[in-house]
Amino acid sequence: MDREHLHGTRMMAREEQLPTTKTKAQIQENLELGLPSAESIRDRTIPLFNRSGYRFSHSTTLGHRPFLADLRQLGGQDVAIVGAPLDAGTTYRSGTRFGPQAMRDISGLHSGYNFERGVDLYESLDMVDLGDVSVIPANIEKSFDQIAKAVAYVHERAVFPVILGGDHSIGYPDVRALAPYVDGNIGIIHFDRHSDLSEYNLDERMHGTPFFHATNIPNAPATNLVQIGIGGWTGNRTGVKNARDRSATVVTMTDIDRWGLERVCEMALEIAWKDAKAVFLSFDIDSVDPAFAPGTGTPESGGLLPREAFRMLDIVTREGLAGLEVVEVAPPYDVAGITSLLGVRVVLDVLATLVEAGKLGTRPDETVKADAATEAAADQTGAVGG
């Protein structure tokens, strides 16, 4: 028997005969709808936003909001959901690449209406889900380029971005994306149990480094960075040194216990907004005690209770935000989806506060007034016509 008699040889010849028409058409459509990738991506068949539905991106939308297939139609909406399924920056337990999918899936529980707050987000906001950024799993720097270009595209069109992580390394490209569109300084309010201010982890920029590099951006100085919840046994001294050298503000759980939620949040707002034109909110799910958020890569006991987190988010959000990221949801370590559920709750609560504060969308009372005015006009027209 020689090589020509092998089934493998025949199948190699068969492959040459198979058509590629539909595949090429799909690639072209994906590039048109999902936009060209960052310049560092050599394979130009990869779109900026994944439109193929394969591998890293195969989930539903957040809250069943409309999926915007054609990115060229972005603009005029209030909120855009962006998935960043990256875990190339984890240093121990990976799995956050499945965070966006898990949060979108569990969000099917929600109706968009919150009785306690008297807000219906789906009535107050025009929300679309853009799907996931096409990250490059084996190359974190190219993934950063992709995420930064994708989120910048949202900022450029004046739509509020909600980024679903992904590990916390995405904090750097998220701030990098915002910086060119803010005419002044950017403040950062960062909830976490870890400082994430090291220059490198294992010789690379990873999930313990985003705010070292973000605060290297000229209009995102560390003096406008406030970190809330830092502490425990999984941090490192390098980040502490960098926080001290750069005059970042670090709030521990001890501070929260001593001074109270309201006072800490007031200080955070004062520092983040000092001489700044915009504030970005970064929420690491591990800032919440792992009793309530076990599905994360680097859990640290003694963190916030969910109700404490919700209260603090309500306070720090009321002055307005330029964007939100929720990171480090790692479904492989979750229990019954409770961490993913918490991540979605953070998103919904922040959006509700922005609506209530008149910073985004249409406030409930404005909707009622508009409806009343419409009804009054209709009544008047009917009376005239009669």
Protein backbone atom coordinates (compact mmCIF):
# COMPACT_ATOMS: atom_id res chain seq x y z
CA MET A 1 0.00 0.00 0.00
CA ASP A 2 1.27 3.46 -0.85
CA ARG A 3 0.21 6.97 0.14
CA GLU A 4 -2.31 7.34 -2.71
CA HIS A 5 -4.43 4.53 -1.23
CA LEU A 6 -4.90 6.30 2.11
CA HIS A 7 -8.32 7.68 2.96
CA GLY A 8 -6.56 10.81 4.24
CA THR A 9 -4.97 11.38 0.83
CA ARG A 10 -8.35 11.07 -0.91
CA MET A 11 -9.96 13.48 1.54
CA MET A 12 -7.19 16.05 0.98
CA ALA A 13 -8.01 15.92 -2.70
CA ARG A 14 -11.72 16.14 -1.93
CA GLU A 15 -11.22 19.30 0.13
CA GLU A 16 -9.88 21.11 -2.94
CA GLN A 17 -13.14 20.37 -4.74
CA LEU A 18 -15.41 21.73 -2.01
CA PRO A 19 -16.92 25.18 -2.72
CA THR A 20 -16.07 28.24 -0.57
CA THR A 21 -18.69 30.63 -1.95
CA LYS A 22 -20.93 30.77 1.13
CA THR A 23 -17.99 30.91 3.51
CA LYS A 24 -16.45 33.87 1.67
CA ALA A 25 -19.82 35.63 1.58
CA GLN A 26 -20.21 35.08 5.34
CA ILE A 27 -16.73 36.45 6.01
CA GLN A 28 -17.49 39.54 3.94
CA GLU A 29 -20.81 40.08 5.70
CA ASN A 30 -19.16 39.68 9.12
CA LEU A 31 -16.57 42.31 8.21
CA GLU A 32 -19.22 44.73 6.98
CA LEU A 33 -21.51 44.30 9.98
CA GLY A 34 -18.83 43.80 12.65
CA LEU A 35 -16.30 46.37 11.37
CA PRO A 36 -12.58 45.88 10.57
CA SER A 37 -10.31 44.77 13.40
CA ALA A 38 -7.54 46.77 15.04
CA GLU A 39 -4.47 47.35 12.89
CA SER A 40 -2.39 44.89 14.92
CA ILE A 41 -4.56 41.96 13.75
CA ARG A 42 -2.89 40.29 10.79
CA ASP A 43 -5.82 38.09 9.80
CA ARG A 44 -8.09 40.69 8.22
CA THR A 45 -10.98 38.21 7.98
CA ILE A 46 -11.49 38.66 11.75
CA PRO A 47 -14.10 41.37 12.44
CA LEU A 48 -13.81 43.78 15.37
CA PHE A 49 -17.10 42.48 16.81
CA ASN A 50 -17.70 38.75 16.45
CA ARG A 51 -20.59 38.17 14.06
CA SER A 52 -20.01 34.49 13.29
CA GLY A 53 -21.53 33.09 16.50
CA TYR A 54 -18.67 30.60 16.77
CA ARG A 55 -16.50 29.66 19.72
CA PHE A 56 -16.02 32.67 22.02
CA SER A 57 -19.38 34.27 21.19
CA HIS A 58 -22.52 32.17 21.22
CA SER A 59 -24.81 33.66 23.84
CA THR A 60 -28.08 35.55 23.86
CA THR A 61 -28.36 39.29 24.55
CA LEU A 62 -28.45 40.96 27.96
CA GLY A 63 -32.03 41.16 29.13
CA HIS A 64 -33.18 40.09 25.66
CA ARG A 65 -32.47 43.58 24.40
CA PRO A 66 -32.18 43.88 20.60
CA PHE A 67 -29.00 42.58 19.04
CA LEU A 68 -27.45 45.22 16.78
CA ALA A 69 -26.02 43.09 14.01
CA ASP A 70 -24.89 46.02 11.86
CA LEU A 71 -22.45 48.15 13.85
CA ARG A 72 -22.78 50.89 11.24
CA GLN A 73 -26.22 51.57 12.75
CA LEU A 74 -24.83 52.39 16.19
CA GLY A 75 -25.64 55.94 17.25
CA GLY A 76 -28.63 57.54 18.92
CA GLN A 77 -29.17 54.69 21.40
CA ASP A 78 -28.72 55.22 25.13
CA VAL A 79 -26.79 52.08 26.11
CA ALA A 80 -24.65 49.54 24.28
CA ILE A 81 -23.73 46.20 25.87
CA VAL A 82 -20.25 45.00 24.86
CA GLY A 83 -18.88 41.58 25.73
CA ALA A 84 -15.13 41.24 26.30
CA PRO A 85 -14.68 37.45 26.75
CA LEU A 86 -11.03 37.54 27.77
CA ASP A 87 -9.24 35.50 30.40
CA ALA A 88 -5.73 35.67 28.96
CA GLY A 89 -4.92 38.02 31.83
CA THR A 90 -5.72 35.66 34.68
CA THR A 91 -2.84 34.50 36.86
CA TYR A 92 -4.37 31.50 38.62
CA ARG A 93 -7.96 30.37 37.91
CA SER A 94 -9.11 31.10 34.36
CA GLY A 95 -12.69 31.02 33.13
CA THR A 96 -13.78 34.66 32.89
CA ARG A 97 -14.02 34.30 29.11
CA PHE A 98 -17.42 32.77 29.83
CA GLY A 99 -18.52 35.71 32.00
CA PRO A 100 -20.36 37.68 29.28
CA GLN A 101 -22.24 34.59 28.14
CA ALA A 102 -23.25 33.62 31.70
CA MET A 103 -24.45 37.12 32.58
CA ARG A 104 -26.48 37.36 29.40
CA ASP A 105 -28.01 33.93 29.97
CA ILE A 106 -29.03 34.59 33.60
CA SER A 107 -30.40 38.02 32.66
CA GLY A 108 -33.38 36.21 31.17
CA LEU A 109 -34.77 36.19 34.73
CA HIS A 110 -35.23 39.96 34.66
CA SER A 111 -38.13 41.97 33.30
CA GLY A 112 -36.38 45.34 33.36
CA TYR A 113 -38.79 46.58 36.04
CA ASN A 114 -37.82 47.20 39.67
CA PHE A 115 -40.72 47.72 42.08
CA GLU A 116 -38.61 49.27 44.87
CA ARG A 117 -37.11 51.87 42.56
CA GLY A 118 -40.13 52.49 40.40
CA VAL A 119 -38.07 52.18 37.23
CA ASP A 120 -38.61 50.18 34.06
CA LEU A 121 -35.28 50.25 32.26
CA TYR A 122 -36.67 48.86 29.04
CA GLU A 123 -39.15 51.74 28.91
CA SER A 124 -36.64 54.41 29.96
CA LEU A 125 -33.64 53.34 27.89
CA ASP A 126 -32.94 52.45 24.28
CA MET A 127 -30.56 49.55 24.88
CA VAL A 128 -28.83 47.36 22.32
CA ASP A 129 -26.42 44.46 22.69
CA LEU A 130 -23.45 44.60 20.32
CA GLY A 131 -22.29 41.06 21.06
CA ASP A 132 -18.68 40.22 21.85
CA VAL A 133 -15.42 41.77 20.77
CA SER A 134 -13.25 39.39 18.76
CA VAL A 135 -10.45 38.88 21.27
CA ILE A 136 -7.25 37.03 20.44
CA PRO A 137 -6.93 34.38 23.20
CA ALA A 138 -3.19 33.82 22.87
CA ASN A 139 -2.22 37.47 22.55
CA ILE A 140 -3.28 39.86 25.29
CA GLU A 141 -1.86 42.97 23.60
CA LYS A 142 -3.80 42.36 20.40
CA SER A 143 -6.87 41.70 22.54
CA PHE A 144 -6.31 45.06 24.21
CA ASP A 145 -6.18 46.70 20.78
CA GLN A 146 -9.43 45.03 19.80
CA ILE A 147 -11.24 45.97 23.03
CA ALA A 148 -9.95 49.55 22.96
CA LYS A 149 -11.05 50.05 19.34
CA ALA A 150 -14.45 48.48 20.00
CA VAL A 151 -15.24 50.50 23.11
CA ALA A 152 -13.88 53.67 21.47
CA TYR A 153 -16.33 53.10 18.63
CA VAL A 154 -19.15 53.23 21.19
CA HIS A 155 -17.80 56.37 22.88
CA GLU A 156 -17.32 58.07 19.53
CA ARG A 157 -21.04 57.65 18.86
CA ALA A 158 -22.02 59.08 22.26
CA VAL A 159 -23.59 55.83 23.49
CA PHE A 160 -23.07 54.71 27.10
CA PRO A 161 -20.94 51.53 27.12
CA VAL A 162 -21.52 48.64 29.53
CA ILE A 163 -18.61 46.22 29.20
CA LEU A 164 -19.08 42.66 30.41
CA GLY A 165 -15.79 40.98 31.29
CA GLY A 166 -13.65 39.11 31.06
CA ASP A 167 -10.81 39.42 33.53
CA HIS A 168 -9.81 42.80 34.96
CA SER A 169 -6.99 43.34 32.48
CA ILE A 170 -9.67 44.86 30.24
CA GLY A 171 -9.80 47.86 32.57
CA TYR A 172 -6.78 49.29 30.78
CA PRO A 173 -8.14 49.19 27.20
CA ASP A 174 -11.55 50.36 28.45
CA VAL A 175 -10.04 53.54 29.90
CA ARG A 176 -7.76 53.88 26.89
CA ALA A 177 -10.84 53.82 24.69
CA LEU A 178 -12.51 56.61 26.65
CA ALA A 179 -9.52 58.95 26.95
CA PRO A 180 -9.55 60.52 23.44
CA TYR A 181 -13.22 61.50 23.81
CA VAL A 182 -12.91 63.36 27.11
CA ASP A 183 -11.72 66.96 26.93
CA GLY A 184 -10.09 66.88 30.33
CA ASN A 185 -9.22 64.44 33.07
CA ILE A 186 -10.96 61.13 33.74
CA GLY A 187 -11.69 59.93 37.24
CA ILE A 188 -11.88 56.20 38.01
CA ILE A 189 -13.92 54.64 40.82
CA HIS A 190 -12.72 51.09 41.23
CA PHE A 191 -14.42 48.46 43.44
CA ASP A 192 -12.11 45.53 44.16
CA ARG A 193 -10.40 43.46 46.83
CA HIS A 194 -7.10 43.85 44.96
CA SER A 195 -5.27 47.04 44.00
CA ASP A 196 -4.47 45.98 40.39
CA LEU A 197 -1.71 48.59 40.30
CA SER A 198 1.28 46.38 39.54
CA GLU A 199 3.18 47.17 36.38
CA TYR A 200 3.37 43.51 35.32
CA ASN A 201 2.18 40.07 36.41
CA LEU A 202 4.50 37.28 35.29
CA ASP A 203 6.26 39.69 32.90
CA GLU A 204 3.03 40.76 31.14
CA ARG A 205 0.18 43.25 31.53
CA MET A 206 -2.50 41.11 33.14
CA HIS A 207 -5.47 41.33 35.50
CA GLY A 208 -3.38 42.69 38.37
CA THR A 209 -2.04 45.59 36.28
CA PRO A 210 -4.85 47.56 34.56
CA PHE A 211 -4.75 50.70 36.66
CA PHE A 212 -0.98 51.06 36.56
CA HIS A 213 -1.23 51.39 32.80
CA ALA A 214 -4.56 53.23 32.73
CA THR A 215 -3.11 55.93 35.00
CA ASN A 216 -0.15 56.29 32.60
CA ILE A 217 -2.65 57.82 30.17
CA PRO A 218 -2.10 61.59 30.42
CA ASN A 219 -5.72 62.52 31.15
CA ALA A 220 -6.40 59.62 33.55
CA PRO A 221 -4.10 60.52 36.48
CA ALA A 222 -3.86 58.32 39.54
CA THR A 223 -4.80 61.32 41.70
CA ASN A 224 -8.34 60.81 40.33
CA LEU A 225 -8.30 57.05 41.03
CA VAL A 226 -10.29 55.82 44.04
CA GLN A 227 -10.09 52.13 44.94
CA ILE A 228 -12.76 50.78 47.28
CA GLY A 229 -12.67 47.50 49.24
CA ILE A 230 -8.96 46.73 48.96
CA GLY A 231 -7.50 44.23 51.43
CA GLY A 232 -7.01 40.62 52.39
CA TRP A 233 -4.29 38.09 51.69
CA THR A 234 -4.25 37.86 47.90
CA GLY A 235 -2.76 41.27 47.09
CA ASN A 236 0.89 42.24 46.68
CA ARG A 237 3.18 44.97 47.96
CA THR A 238 4.13 46.22 44.50
CA GLY A 239 0.64 47.55 43.90
CA VAL A 240 0.65 49.25 47.30
CA LYS A 241 3.96 50.97 46.53
CA ASN A 242 2.67 52.20 43.18
CA ALA A 243 -0.53 53.50 44.79
CA ARG A 244 1.58 55.40 47.32
CA ASP A 245 4.01 56.75 44.71
CA ARG A 246 1.19 57.91 42.41
CA SER A 247 -1.03 59.33 45.16
CA ALA A 248 -3.97 57.04 44.40
CA THR A 249 -6.69 56.81 47.06
CA VAL A 250 -7.16 53.38 48.63
CA VAL A 251 -10.24 52.67 50.76
CA THR A 252 -10.16 49.43 52.76
CA MET A 253 -13.01 47.47 54.30
CA THR A 254 -11.74 48.77 57.64
CA ASP A 255 -12.33 52.31 56.38
CA ILE A 256 -15.86 51.41 55.28
CA ASP A 257 -16.63 49.88 58.67
CA ARG A 258 -15.19 52.88 60.52
CA TRP A 259 -16.50 55.80 58.45
CA GLY A 260 -19.63 54.31 56.93
CA LEU A 261 -20.78 53.82 53.36
CA GLU A 262 -22.11 57.33 52.77
CA ARG A 263 -19.03 59.16 54.01
CA VAL A 264 -16.66 56.93 52.02
CA CYS A 265 -18.72 57.43 48.86
CA GLU A 266 -18.81 61.20 49.32
CA MET A 267 -15.02 61.20 49.57
CA ALA A 268 -14.74 58.95 46.51
CA LEU A 269 -16.88 61.33 44.46
CA GLU A 270 -14.91 64.36 45.61
CA ILE A 271 -11.57 62.81 44.63
CA ALA A 272 -12.67 61.15 41.38
CA TRP A 273 -14.39 64.30 40.12
CA LYS A 274 -11.73 66.82 41.23
CA ASP A 275 -10.78 68.75 38.07
CA ALA A 276 -12.18 65.86 36.01
CA LYS A 277 -14.69 65.96 33.16
CA ALA A 278 -15.83 62.33 33.36
CA VAL A 279 -15.74 59.32 35.68
CA PHE A 280 -15.45 55.66 34.69
CA LEU A 281 -16.77 52.93 37.03
CA SER A 282 -14.94 49.62 37.28
CA PHE A 283 -16.64 46.92 39.35
CA ASP A 284 -14.71 43.74 40.09
CA ILE A 285 -17.18 41.10 41.29
CA ASP A 286 -14.62 39.87 43.84
CA SER A 287 -15.16 43.09 45.81
CA VAL A 288 -18.23 41.26 47.13
CA ASP A 289 -17.60 38.54 49.72
CA PRO A 290 -17.24 35.10 48.05
CA ALA A 291 -20.13 33.82 50.17
CA PHE A 292 -22.26 35.79 47.69
CA ALA A 293 -19.91 35.77 44.69
CA PRO A 294 -18.01 32.46 44.59
CA GLY A 295 -17.67 32.45 40.81
CA THR A 296 -14.49 34.47 40.48
CA GLY A 297 -10.84 33.70 39.86
CA THR A 298 -9.27 35.27 42.96
CA PRO A 299 -11.83 35.20 45.79
CA GLU A 300 -10.98 37.02 49.01
CA SER A 301 -13.12 36.70 52.13
CA GLY A 302 -14.30 39.74 54.07
CA GLY A 303 -15.57 41.79 51.16
CA LEU A 304 -18.75 43.81 50.72
CA LEU A 305 -22.21 42.42 51.30
CA PRO A 306 -24.43 42.74 48.21
CA ARG A 307 -26.69 45.34 49.84
CA GLU A 308 -23.63 47.39 50.81
CA ALA A 309 -22.39 47.24 47.23
CA PHE A 310 -25.78 48.30 45.85
CA ARG A 311 -25.99 51.23 48.26
CA MET A 312 -22.49 52.44 47.40
CA LEU A 313 -23.10 52.09 43.68
CA ASP A 314 -26.25 54.15 44.01
CA ILE A 315 -24.33 56.98 45.67
CA VAL A 316 -21.25 57.09 43.43
CA THR A 317 -23.31 56.81 40.24
CA ARG A 318 -25.65 59.77 40.79
CA GLU A 319 -23.16 62.35 39.51
CA GLY A 320 -23.05 60.54 36.16
CA LEU A 321 -20.67 58.14 34.47
CA ALA A 322 -18.88 57.81 31.14
CA GLY A 323 -18.96 54.03 31.19
CA LEU A 324 -19.19 50.87 33.30
CA GLU A 325 -17.33 47.58 33.34
CA VAL A 326 -18.24 44.50 35.38
CA VAL A 327 -15.35 42.06 35.46
CA GLU A 328 -14.01 38.78 36.88
CA VAL A 329 -17.24 36.77 36.72
CA ALA A 330 -15.92 33.22 36.26
CA PRO A 331 -18.83 30.79 35.75
CA PRO A 332 -16.77 27.57 36.18
CA TYR A 333 -16.48 28.37 39.91
CA ASP A 334 -20.02 29.67 40.36
CA VAL A 335 -22.88 28.08 42.30
CA ALA A 336 -26.32 28.11 40.66
CA GLY A 337 -25.36 31.20 38.68
CA ILE A 338 -25.47 33.51 41.71
CA THR A 339 -22.28 35.39 40.77
CA SER A 340 -23.51 36.00 37.23
CA LEU A 341 -26.84 37.11 38.68
CA LEU A 342 -25.01 39.57 40.93
CA GLY A 343 -23.05 40.93 37.96
CA VAL A 344 -26.28 41.60 36.07
CA ARG A 345 -27.78 43.26 39.16
CA VAL A 346 -24.82 45.64 39.28
CA VAL A 347 -25.43 46.63 35.66
CA LEU A 348 -29.17 47.13 36.15
CA ASP A 349 -28.76 49.08 39.39
CA VAL A 350 -26.19 51.45 37.88
CA LEU A 351 -28.38 52.07 34.85
CA ALA A 352 -31.43 52.64 37.08
CA THR A 353 -29.53 55.21 39.14
CA LEU A 354 -28.41 57.03 36.00
CA VAL A 355 -32.02 57.14 34.81
CA GLU A 356 -33.30 58.35 38.18
CA ALA A 357 -30.60 61.03 38.34
CA GLY A 358 -31.53 62.27 34.89
CA LYS A 359 -28.11 61.35 33.50
CA LEU A 360 -29.31 58.77 30.97
CA GLY A 361 -32.49 57.92 29.09
CA THR A 362 -35.90 59.12 30.24
CA ARG A 363 -36.87 59.44 33.89
CA PRO A 364 -40.10 57.74 35.00
CA ASP A 365 -41.71 61.04 35.98
CA GLU A 366 -40.78 62.51 32.61
CA THR A 367 -42.49 59.58 30.90
CA VAL A 368 -45.62 60.09 32.99
CA LYS A 369 -45.63 63.81 32.20
CA ALA A 370 -45.13 63.14 28.49
CA ASP A 371 -47.94 60.58 28.46
CA ALA A 372 -50.23 63.00 30.31
CA ALA A 373 -49.41 65.78 27.86
CA THR A 374 -50.13 63.46 24.93
CA GLU A 375 -53.44 62.41 26.42
CA ALA A 376 -54.38 66.04 27.14
CA ALA A 377 -53.55 67.03 23.57
CA ALA A 378 -55.61 64.12 22.25
CA ASP A 379 -58.53 65.13 24.47
CA GLN A 380 -58.27 68.72 23.25
CA THR A 381 -58.18 67.58 19.62
CA GLY A 382 -61.21 65.38 20.22
CA ALA A 383 -63.08 68.27 21.81
CA VAL A 384 -62.28 70.58 18.92
CA GLY A 385 -63.23 67.94 16.39
CA GLY A 386 -66.50 67.28 18.21
